[in-house]
PDB file of N, CA and C in Angstrom:
ATOM      1  N   MET A   1     -11.763 -45.381   0.848  1.00  0.00           N
ATOM      2  CA  MET A   1     -10.799 -44.304   0.880  1.00  0.00           C
ATOM      3  C   MET A   1     -11.533 -42.969   0.657  1.00  0.00           C
ATOM      4  N   ALA A   2     -11.273 -42.000   1.508  1.00  0.00           N
ATOM      5  CA  ALA A   2     -11.931 -40.702   1.425  1.00  0.00           C
ATOM      6  C   ALA A   2     -11.329 -39.879   0.280  1.00  0.00           C
ATOM      7  N   PRO A   3     -12.157 -39.085  -0.403  1.00  0.00           N
ATOM      8  CA  PRO A   3     -11.618 -38.260  -1.493  1.00  0.00           C
ATOM      9  C   PRO A   3     -10.733 -37.144  -0.943  1.00  0.00           C
ATOM     10  N   LYS A   4      -9.709 -36.787  -1.705  1.00  0.00           N
ATOM     11  CA  LYS A   4      -8.799 -35.713  -1.295  1.00  0.00           C
ATOM     12  C   LYS A   4      -9.344 -34.379  -1.800  1.00  0.00           C
ATOM     13  N   PHE A   5      -9.271 -33.398  -0.943  1.00  0.00           N
ATOM     14  CA  PHE A   5      -9.744 -32.075  -1.305  1.00  0.00           C
ATOM     15  C   PHE A   5      -8.562 -31.187  -1.660  1.00  0.00           C
ATOM     16  N   LYS A   6      -8.754 -30.369  -2.681  1.00  0.00           N
ATOM     17  CA  LYS A   6      -7.717 -29.422  -3.072  1.00  0.00           C
ATOM     18  C   LYS A   6      -7.987 -28.091  -2.384  1.00  0.00           C
ATOM     19  N   LYS A   7      -6.915 -27.432  -1.976  1.00  0.00           N
ATOM     20  CA  LYS A   7      -7.061 -26.118  -1.365  1.00  0.00           C
ATOM     21  C   LYS A   7      -7.374 -25.096  -2.452  1.00  0.00           C
ATOM     22  N   LYS A   8      -8.297 -24.220  -2.160  1.00  0.00           N
ATOM     23  CA  LYS A   8      -8.651 -23.168  -3.103  1.00  0.00           C
ATOM     24  C   LYS A   8      -7.821 -21.930  -2.806  1.00  0.00           C
ATOM     25  N   LYS A   9      -7.391 -21.252  -3.857  1.00  0.00           N
ATOM     26  CA  LYS A   9      -6.650 -20.010  -3.676  1.00  0.00           C
ATOM     27  C   LYS A   9      -7.633 -18.885  -3.384  1.00  0.00           C
ATOM     28  N   ARG A  10      -7.256 -18.040  -2.454  1.00  0.00           N
ATOM     29  CA  ARG A  10      -8.099 -16.901  -2.120  1.00  0.00           C
ATOM     30  C   ARG A  10      -7.829 -15.758  -3.086  1.00  0.00           C
ATOM     31  N   LYS A  11      -8.862 -15.071  -3.433  1.00  0.00           N
ATOM     32  CA  LYS A  11      -8.722 -13.891  -4.278  1.00  0.00           C
ATOM     33  C   LYS A  11      -8.901 -12.664  -3.400  1.00  0.00           C
ATOM     34  N   THR A  12      -8.005 -11.720  -3.532  1.00  0.00           N
ATOM     35  CA  THR A  12      -8.114 -10.500  -2.742  1.00  0.00           C
ATOM     36  C   THR A  12      -9.050  -9.530  -3.440  1.00  0.00           C
ATOM     37  N   GLY A  13      -9.612  -8.646  -2.675  1.00  0.00           N
ATOM     38  CA  GLY A  13     -10.549  -7.686  -3.220  1.00  0.00           C
ATOM     39  C   GLY A  13      -9.885  -6.621  -4.068  1.00  0.00           C
ATOM     40  N   ARG A  14      -8.678  -6.222  -3.685  1.00  0.00           N
ATOM     41  CA  ARG A  14      -8.000  -5.163  -4.427  1.00  0.00           C
ATOM     42  C   ARG A  14      -6.833  -5.747  -5.200  1.00  0.00           C
ATOM     43  N   PRO A  15      -6.591  -5.249  -6.399  1.00  0.00           N
ATOM     44  CA  PRO A  15      -5.439  -5.739  -7.161  1.00  0.00           C
ATOM     45  C   PRO A  15      -4.130  -5.179  -6.614  1.00  0.00           C
ATOM     46  N   LEU A  16      -3.046  -5.824  -6.940  1.00  0.00           N
ATOM     47  CA  LEU A  16      -1.734  -5.347  -6.518  1.00  0.00           C
ATOM     48  C   LEU A  16      -1.366  -4.090  -7.290  1.00  0.00           C
ATOM     49  N   ILE A  17      -0.529  -3.250  -6.698  1.00  0.00           N
ATOM     50  CA  ILE A  17      -0.087  -2.014  -7.338  1.00  0.00           C
ATOM     51  C   ILE A  17       1.400  -2.142  -7.622  1.00  0.00           C
ATOM     52  N   LYS A  18       1.831  -3.126  -8.325  1.00  0.00           N
ATOM     53  CA  LYS A  18       3.257  -3.383  -8.537  1.00  0.00           C
ATOM     54  C   LYS A  18       3.936  -2.183  -9.207  1.00  0.00           C
ATOM     55  N   LEU A  19       4.679  -1.416  -8.438  1.00  0.00           N
ATOM     56  CA  LEU A  19       5.404  -0.272  -8.980  1.00  0.00           C
ATOM     57  C   LEU A  19       6.892  -0.343  -8.691  1.00  0.00           C
ATOM     58  N   CYS A  20       7.266  -1.011  -7.630  1.00  0.00           N
ATOM     59  CA  CYS A  20       8.648  -0.949  -7.176  1.00  0.00           C
ATOM     60  C   CYS A  20       9.328  -2.299  -7.342  1.00  0.00           C
ATOM     61  N   SER A  21      10.287  -2.376  -8.224  1.00  0.00           N
ATOM     62  CA  SER A  21      11.060  -3.608  -8.320  1.00  0.00           C
ATOM     63  C   SER A  21      12.248  -3.522  -7.377  1.00  0.00           C
ATOM     64  N   ARG A  22      12.846  -2.354  -7.239  1.00  0.00           N
ATOM     65  CA  ARG A  22      13.960  -2.153  -6.320  1.00  0.00           C
ATOM     66  C   ARG A  22      13.801  -0.841  -5.560  1.00  0.00           C
ATOM     67  N   GLY A  23      13.476   0.210  -6.254  1.00  0.00           N
ATOM     68  CA  GLY A  23      13.370   1.501  -5.587  1.00  0.00           C
ATOM     69  C   GLY A  23      12.158   2.263  -6.065  1.00  0.00           C
ATOM     70  N   CYS A  24      11.927   3.389  -5.474  1.00  0.00           N
ATOM     71  CA  CYS A  24      10.777   4.221  -5.834  1.00  0.00           C
ATOM     72  C   CYS A  24      11.205   5.274  -6.842  1.00  0.00           C
ATOM     73  N   ALA A  25      11.941   4.871  -7.837  1.00  0.00           N
ATOM     74  CA  ALA A  25      12.483   5.825  -8.797  1.00  0.00           C
ATOM     75  C   ALA A  25      11.443   6.279  -9.811  1.00  0.00           C
ATOM     76  N   ASP A  26      10.356   5.485 -10.001  1.00  0.00           N
ATOM     77  CA  ASP A  26       9.345   5.853 -10.999  1.00  0.00           C
ATOM     78  C   ASP A  26       8.725   7.203 -10.669  1.00  0.00           C
ATOM     79  N   ARG A  27       8.304   7.334  -9.429  1.00  0.00           N
ATOM     80  CA  ARG A  27       7.659   8.567  -8.982  1.00  0.00           C
ATOM     81  C   ARG A  27       8.034   8.755  -7.520  1.00  0.00           C
ATOM     82  N   PRO A  28       8.824   9.755  -7.197  1.00  0.00           N
ATOM     83  CA  PRO A  28       9.252   9.928  -5.801  1.00  0.00           C
ATOM     84  C   PRO A  28       8.057  10.197  -4.884  1.00  0.00           C
ATOM     85  N   LEU A  29       8.125   9.633  -3.694  1.00  0.00           N
ATOM     86  CA  LEU A  29       7.045   9.801  -2.728  1.00  0.00           C
ATOM     87  C   LEU A  29       7.203  11.133  -2.014  1.00  0.00           C
ATOM     88  N   ASP A  30       6.145  11.932  -2.033  1.00  0.00           N
ATOM     89  CA  ASP A  30       6.171  13.236  -1.391  1.00  0.00           C
ATOM     90  C   ASP A  30       4.874  13.400  -0.606  1.00  0.00           C
ATOM     91  N   TYR A  31       4.964  13.958   0.577  1.00  0.00           N
ATOM     92  CA  TYR A  31       3.779  14.080   1.417  1.00  0.00           C
ATOM     93  C   TYR A  31       2.765  15.057   0.841  1.00  0.00           C
ATOM     94  N   LYS A  32       3.166  15.909  -0.103  1.00  0.00           N
ATOM     95  CA  LYS A  32       2.243  16.874  -0.697  1.00  0.00           C
ATOM     96  C   LYS A  32       1.462  16.302  -1.878  1.00  0.00           C
ATOM     97  N   ASP A  33       1.881  15.139  -2.388  1.00  0.00           N
ATOM     98  CA  ASP A  33       1.218  14.510  -3.529  1.00  0.00           C
ATOM     99  C   ASP A  33       0.103  13.589  -3.017  1.00  0.00           C
ATOM    100  N   LEU A  34      -1.030  14.177  -2.671  1.00  0.00           N
ATOM    101  CA  LEU A  34      -2.101  13.434  -2.005  1.00  0.00           C
ATOM    102  C   LEU A  34      -2.771  12.416  -2.912  1.00  0.00           C
ATOM    103  N   GLU A  35      -2.932  12.729  -4.188  1.00  0.00           N
ATOM    104  CA  GLU A  35      -3.582  11.792  -5.107  1.00  0.00           C
ATOM    105  C   GLU A  35      -2.790  10.498  -5.207  1.00  0.00           C
ATOM    106  N   HIS A  36      -1.476  10.613  -5.229  1.00  0.00           N
ATOM    107  CA  HIS A  36      -0.619   9.432  -5.327  1.00  0.00           C
ATOM    108  C   HIS A  36      -0.630   8.646  -4.019  1.00  0.00           C
ATOM    109  N   LEU A  37      -0.610   9.337  -2.889  1.00  0.00           N
ATOM    110  CA  LEU A  37      -0.576   8.655  -1.595  1.00  0.00           C
ATOM    111  C   LEU A  37      -1.893   7.947  -1.278  1.00  0.00           C
ATOM    112  N   GLU A  38      -3.013   8.497  -1.741  1.00  0.00           N
ATOM    113  CA  GLU A  38      -4.306   7.893  -1.431  1.00  0.00           C
ATOM    114  C   GLU A  38      -4.494   6.541  -2.102  1.00  0.00           C
ATOM    115  N   THR A  39      -3.703   6.227  -3.127  1.00  0.00           N
ATOM    116  CA  THR A  39      -3.816   4.913  -3.764  1.00  0.00           C
ATOM    117  C   THR A  39      -3.259   3.820  -2.866  1.00  0.00           C
ATOM    118  N   TYR A  40      -2.498   4.179  -1.847  1.00  0.00           N
ATOM    119  CA  TYR A  40      -1.893   3.212  -0.936  1.00  0.00           C
ATOM    120  C   TYR A  40      -2.639   3.108   0.385  1.00  0.00           C
ATOM    121  N   LEU A  41      -3.873   3.612   0.427  1.00  0.00           N
ATOM    122  CA  LEU A  41      -4.694   3.540   1.632  1.00  0.00           C
ATOM    123  C   LEU A  41      -5.947   2.717   1.368  1.00  0.00           C
ATOM    124  N   THR A  42      -6.416   2.030   2.397  1.00  0.00           N
ATOM    125  CA  THR A  42      -7.694   1.332   2.306  1.00  0.00           C
ATOM    126  C   THR A  42      -8.805   2.366   2.467  1.00  0.00           C
ATOM    127  N   PRO A  43     -10.048   1.995   2.171  1.00  0.00           N
ATOM    128  CA  PRO A  43     -11.151   2.952   2.387  1.00  0.00           C
ATOM    129  C   PRO A  43     -11.281   3.406   3.841  1.00  0.00           C
ATOM    130  N   GLN A  44     -10.782   2.591   4.785  1.00  0.00           N
ATOM    131  CA  GLN A  44     -10.828   2.976   6.200  1.00  0.00           C
ATOM    132  C   GLN A  44      -9.666   3.886   6.582  1.00  0.00           C
ATOM    133  N   GLY A  45      -8.694   4.076   5.697  1.00  0.00           N
ATOM    134  CA  GLY A  45      -7.574   4.958   5.978  1.00  0.00           C
ATOM    135  C   GLY A  45      -6.315   4.248   6.421  1.00  0.00           C
ATOM    136  N   GLN A  46      -6.294   2.917   6.373  1.00  0.00           N
ATOM    137  CA  GLN A  46      -5.103   2.172   6.782  1.00  0.00           C
ATOM    138  C   GLN A  46      -4.119   2.085   5.619  1.00  0.00           C
ATOM    139  N   ILE A  47      -2.830   2.046   5.941  1.00  0.00           N
ATOM    140  CA  ILE A  47      -1.786   1.930   4.926  1.00  0.00           C
ATOM    141  C   ILE A  47      -1.725   0.480   4.455  1.00  0.00           C
ATOM    142  N   LEU A  48      -1.664   0.283   3.134  1.00  0.00           N
ATOM    143  CA  LEU A  48      -1.595  -1.068   2.581  1.00  0.00           C
ATOM    144  C   LEU A  48      -0.257  -1.718   2.917  1.00  0.00           C
ATOM    145  N   SER A  49      -0.251  -3.037   3.013  1.00  0.00           N
ATOM    146  CA  SER A  49       0.950  -3.783   3.378  1.00  0.00           C
ATOM    147  C   SER A  49       1.908  -3.889   2.194  1.00  0.00           C
ATOM    148  N   ARG A  50       3.108  -4.347   2.476  1.00  0.00           N
ATOM    149  CA  ARG A  50       4.118  -4.552   1.437  1.00  0.00           C
ATOM    150  C   ARG A  50       3.655  -5.582   0.427  1.00  0.00           C
ATOM    151  N   ARG A  51       2.931  -6.560   0.895  1.00  0.00           N
ATOM    152  CA  ARG A  51       2.438  -7.607  -0.005  1.00  0.00           C
ATOM    153  C   ARG A  51       1.483  -7.020  -1.040  1.00  0.00           C
ATOM    154  N   ARG A  52       0.663  -6.072  -0.608  1.00  0.00           N
ATOM    155  CA  ARG A  52      -0.296  -5.447  -1.512  1.00  0.00           C
ATOM    156  C   ARG A  52       0.367  -4.427  -2.443  1.00  0.00           C
ATOM    157  N   THR A  53       1.296  -3.625  -1.902  1.00  0.00           N
ATOM    158  CA  THR A  53       1.903  -2.573  -2.714  1.00  0.00           C
ATOM    159  C   THR A  53       3.008  -3.097  -3.606  1.00  0.00           C
ATOM    160  N   GLY A  54       3.699  -4.155  -3.173  1.00  0.00           N
ATOM    161  CA  GLY A  54       4.810  -4.673  -3.962  1.00  0.00           C
ATOM    162  C   GLY A  54       6.093  -3.893  -3.746  1.00  0.00           C
ATOM    163  N   TYR A  55       6.112  -3.002  -2.755  1.00  0.00           N
ATOM    164  CA  TYR A  55       7.291  -2.191  -2.483  1.00  0.00           C
ATOM    165  C   TYR A  55       8.329  -2.980  -1.695  1.00  0.00           C
ATOM    166  N   SER A  56       9.582  -2.567  -1.833  1.00  0.00           N
ATOM    167  CA  SER A  56      10.642  -3.138  -1.002  1.00  0.00           C
ATOM    168  C   SER A  56      10.504  -2.559   0.409  1.00  0.00           C
ATOM    169  N   ALA A  57      11.279  -3.085   1.348  1.00  0.00           N
ATOM    170  CA  ALA A  57      11.171  -2.630   2.739  1.00  0.00           C
ATOM    171  C   ALA A  57      11.517  -1.148   2.859  1.00  0.00           C
ATOM    172  N   LYS A  58      12.550  -0.727   2.162  1.00  0.00           N
ATOM    173  CA  LYS A  58      12.972   0.675   2.238  1.00  0.00           C
ATOM    174  C   LYS A  58      11.903   1.596   1.651  1.00  0.00           C
ATOM    175  N   CYS A  59      11.351   1.218   0.507  1.00  0.00           N
ATOM    176  CA  CYS A  59      10.341   2.057  -0.131  1.00  0.00           C
ATOM    177  C   CYS A  59       9.042   2.074   0.675  1.00  0.00           C
ATOM    178  N   GLN A  60       8.720   0.953   1.331  1.00  0.00           N
ATOM    179  CA  GLN A  60       7.526   0.913   2.174  1.00  0.00           C
ATOM    180  C   GLN A  60       7.695   1.843   3.374  1.00  0.00           C
ATOM    181  N   ARG A  61       8.906   1.918   3.924  1.00  0.00           N
ATOM    182  CA  ARG A  61       9.162   2.859   5.029  1.00  0.00           C
ATOM    183  C   ARG A  61       9.014   4.294   4.548  1.00  0.00           C
ATOM    184  N   ASP A  62       9.510   4.591   3.342  1.00  0.00           N
ATOM    185  CA  ASP A  62       9.360   5.938   2.788  1.00  0.00           C
ATOM    186  C   ASP A  62       7.885   6.279   2.573  1.00  0.00           C
ATOM    187  N   LEU A  63       7.132   5.300   2.097  1.00  0.00           N
ATOM    188  CA  LEU A  63       5.698   5.495   1.896  1.00  0.00           C
ATOM    189  C   LEU A  63       5.009   5.781   3.228  1.00  0.00           C
ATOM    190  N   LYS A  64       5.326   4.986   4.245  1.00  0.00           N
ATOM    191  CA  LYS A  64       4.742   5.173   5.577  1.00  0.00           C
ATOM    192  C   LYS A  64       5.076   6.556   6.116  1.00  0.00           C
ATOM    193  N   ARG A  65       6.323   6.959   5.952  1.00  0.00           N
ATOM    194  CA  ARG A  65       6.769   8.256   6.453  1.00  0.00           C
ATOM    195  C   ARG A  65       6.025   9.393   5.746  1.00  0.00           C
ATOM    196  N   ALA A  66       5.845   9.278   4.426  1.00  0.00           N
ATOM    197  CA  ALA A  66       5.163  10.326   3.667  1.00  0.00           C
ATOM    198  C   ALA A  66       3.694  10.429   4.075  1.00  0.00           C
ATOM    199  N   ILE A  67       3.034   9.292   4.262  1.00  0.00           N
ATOM    200  CA  ILE A  67       1.623   9.314   4.663  1.00  0.00           C
ATOM    201  C   ILE A  67       1.475   9.897   6.061  1.00  0.00           C
ATOM    202  N   LYS A  68       2.357   9.519   6.977  1.00  0.00           N
ATOM    203  CA  LYS A  68       2.267  10.042   8.341  1.00  0.00           C
ATOM    204  C   LYS A  68       2.564  11.536   8.388  1.00  0.00           C
ATOM    205  N   ARG A  69       3.481  12.004   7.557  1.00  0.00           N
ATOM    206  CA  ARG A  69       3.743  13.452   7.493  1.00  0.00           C
ATOM    207  C   ARG A  69       2.511  14.191   6.998  1.00  0.00           C
ATOM    208  N   ALA A  70       1.873  13.649   5.956  1.00  0.00           N
ATOM    209  CA  ALA A  70       0.676  14.292   5.419  1.00  0.00           C
ATOM    210  C   ALA A  70      -0.441  14.320   6.460  1.00  0.00           C
ATOM    211  N   ARG A  71      -0.550  13.277   7.262  1.00  0.00           N
ATOM    212  CA  ARG A  71      -1.567  13.251   8.306  1.00  0.00           C
ATOM    213  C   ARG A  71      -1.285  14.288   9.383  1.00  0.00           C
ATOM    214  N   HIS A  72      -0.029  14.419   9.788  1.00  0.00           N
ATOM    215  CA  HIS A  72       0.317  15.386  10.837  1.00  0.00           C
ATOM    216  C   HIS A  72       0.224  16.824  10.345  1.00  0.00           C
ATOM    217  N   MET A  73       0.372  17.027   9.045  1.00  0.00           N
ATOM    218  CA  MET A  73       0.219  18.370   8.482  1.00  0.00           C
ATOM    219  C   MET A  73      -1.249  18.675   8.175  1.00  0.00           C
ATOM    220  N   ALA A  74      -2.143  17.751   8.521  1.00  0.00           N
ATOM    221  CA  ALA A  74      -3.594  17.875   8.312  1.00  0.00           C
ATOM    222  C   ALA A  74      -3.957  17.931   6.834  1.00  0.00           C
ATOM    223  N   LEU A  75      -3.167  17.271   5.993  1.00  0.00           N
ATOM    224  CA  LEU A  75      -3.493  17.185   4.577  1.00  0.00           C
ATOM    225  C   LEU A  75      -4.333  15.944   4.280  1.00  0.00           C
ATOM    226  N   MET A  76      -4.199  14.925   5.135  1.00  0.00           N
ATOM    227  CA  MET A  76      -4.960  13.682   4.991  1.00  0.00           C
ATOM    228  C   MET A  76      -5.608  13.359   6.334  1.00  0.00           C
ATOM    229  N   PRO A  77      -6.771  12.697   6.298  1.00  0.00           N
ATOM    230  CA  PRO A  77      -7.404  12.314   7.566  1.00  0.00           C
ATOM    231  C   PRO A  77      -6.735  11.083   8.171  1.00  0.00           C
ATOM    232  N   PHE A  78      -6.857  10.941   9.479  1.00  0.00           N
ATOM    233  CA  PHE A  78      -6.323   9.764  10.157  1.00  0.00           C
ATOM    234  C   PHE A  78      -7.220   8.554   9.933  1.00  0.00           C
ATOM    235  N   VAL A  79      -8.507   8.778   9.740  1.00  0.00           N
ATOM    236  CA  VAL A  79      -9.459   7.694   9.466  1.00  0.00           C
ATOM    237  C   VAL A  79     -10.198   8.016   8.181  1.00  0.00           C
ATOM    238  N   GLY A  80     -10.750   6.977   7.548  1.00  0.00           N
ATOM    239  CA  GLY A  80     -11.443   7.139   6.265  1.00  0.00           C
ATOM    240  C   GLY A  80     -12.732   7.857   6.446  1.00  0.00           C
TER     241      GLY A  80
END
């Protein structure tokens, strides 16, 4: 009988940023708050997923909208 192998859990490189249990009431998302928005970007400039941020669907859309506004206003770069 062959031995059974257990699946190993993968560890992600970045920790989760659990801030939103239901809404973004802790700190409202604003396109002018660049320090806060940069925590939700990868080093390459991509927006982190809902799984990584822990945001609800509505708050993730607000986050996406704020980052895209900042990019179009030339406050943030499109690439890292």
